[in-house]
Amino acid sequence: MATKPETRKKPAGDTTRTARAVAHLERLQEAKGKRLVVDLDAPGREALEALQQAGYGTSQKEVVIKALLHAASKVTKAA
């Protein structure tokens, strides 16, 4: 009985994802940034969408960063 030569399966999906993720996290660390994953409840999601639609930021990321910086400046001034 003849055996088939072993063939390698092609990887499915994006094979560079891990390398890109590592590079992204390294750039973030060099910039002294921090990755943040946030689960929003319904009111939080609605507020985020309303701010973005009102032009507060062009992306959800930009809206969150601007809102955090704005809130932090209020706390700093009040202290």
Protein backbone atom coordinates (compact mmCIF):
# COMPACT_ATOMS: atom_id res chain seq x y z
CA MET A 1 0.00 0.00 0.00
CA ALA A 2 1.43 3.35 -1.06
CA THR A 3 1.34 6.17 1.42
CA LYS A 4 0.61 9.71 0.42
CA PRO A 5 3.42 12.18 0.85
CA GLU A 6 2.79 14.37 3.85
CA THR A 7 1.40 17.73 2.83
CA ARG A 8 1.31 20.72 5.06
CA LYS A 9 -1.97 22.46 5.56
CA LYS A 10 -2.01 26.15 4.83
CA PRO A 11 -2.71 28.19 7.95
CA ALA A 12 -6.19 29.62 8.02
CA GLY A 13 -6.72 33.29 8.59
CA ASP A 14 -4.25 36.04 9.30
CA THR A 15 -0.83 34.60 10.02
CA THR A 16 0.77 37.97 10.85
CA ARG A 17 -1.73 38.93 13.56
CA THR A 18 0.50 37.97 16.49
CA ALA A 19 3.52 39.84 15.15
CA ARG A 20 1.41 42.95 14.52
CA ALA A 21 -0.15 42.74 17.97
CA VAL A 22 3.26 42.47 19.61
CA ALA A 23 4.55 45.44 17.59
CA HIS A 24 1.47 47.49 18.53
CA LEU A 25 1.88 46.75 22.23
CA GLU A 26 5.59 47.61 22.04
CA ARG A 27 4.80 50.98 20.42
CA LEU A 28 2.14 51.60 23.06
CA GLN A 29 4.61 50.82 25.85
CA GLU A 30 7.27 53.09 24.31
CA ALA A 31 4.72 55.92 24.23
CA LYS A 32 3.93 55.18 27.89
CA GLY A 33 0.37 54.33 26.89
CA LYS A 34 -1.88 51.61 28.22
CA ARG A 35 -4.25 49.21 26.51
CA LEU A 36 -7.74 49.52 27.93
CA VAL A 37 -10.66 47.21 27.23
CA VAL A 38 -13.95 48.60 28.52
CA ASP A 39 -17.40 47.05 28.62
CA LEU A 40 -20.04 49.77 28.44
CA ASP A 41 -23.55 49.46 29.79
CA ALA A 42 -26.43 50.87 27.72
CA PRO A 43 -26.20 54.45 29.06
CA GLY A 44 -22.43 54.49 28.55
CA ARG A 45 -22.76 53.19 25.00
CA GLU A 46 -25.47 55.74 24.22
CA ALA A 47 -23.32 58.56 25.61
CA LEU A 48 -20.34 57.42 23.56
CA GLU A 49 -22.41 57.26 20.38
CA ALA A 50 -24.04 60.65 21.07
CA LEU A 51 -20.67 62.32 21.61
CA GLN A 52 -19.26 60.80 18.44
CA GLN A 53 -22.31 61.79 16.38
CA ALA A 54 -22.10 65.33 17.78
CA GLY A 55 -18.54 65.60 16.47
CA TYR A 56 -16.76 65.37 19.83
CA GLY A 57 -14.40 62.92 18.14
CA THR A 58 -14.08 61.13 14.84
CA SER A 59 -13.69 57.70 16.43
CA GLN A 60 -14.77 56.02 19.64
CA LYS A 61 -11.14 56.00 20.74
CA GLU A 62 -10.83 59.75 20.18
CA VAL A 63 -14.09 60.43 22.06
CA VAL A 64 -12.95 58.39 25.06
CA ILE A 65 -9.49 60.00 25.17
CA LYS A 66 -10.89 63.54 24.87
CA ALA A 67 -13.52 62.86 27.54
CA LEU A 68 -10.91 61.41 29.92
CA LEU A 69 -8.56 64.35 29.41
CA HIS A 70 -11.42 66.82 29.88
CA ALA A 71 -12.59 65.12 33.08
CA ALA A 72 -9.03 64.90 34.40
CA SER A 73 -8.48 68.61 33.83
CA LYS A 74 -11.61 69.38 35.87
CA VAL A 75 -10.44 67.17 38.74
CA THR A 76 -6.95 68.68 38.69
CA LYS A 77 -8.31 72.24 38.75
CA ALA A 78 -10.73 71.42 41.57
CA ALA A 79 -8.03 69.85 43.75
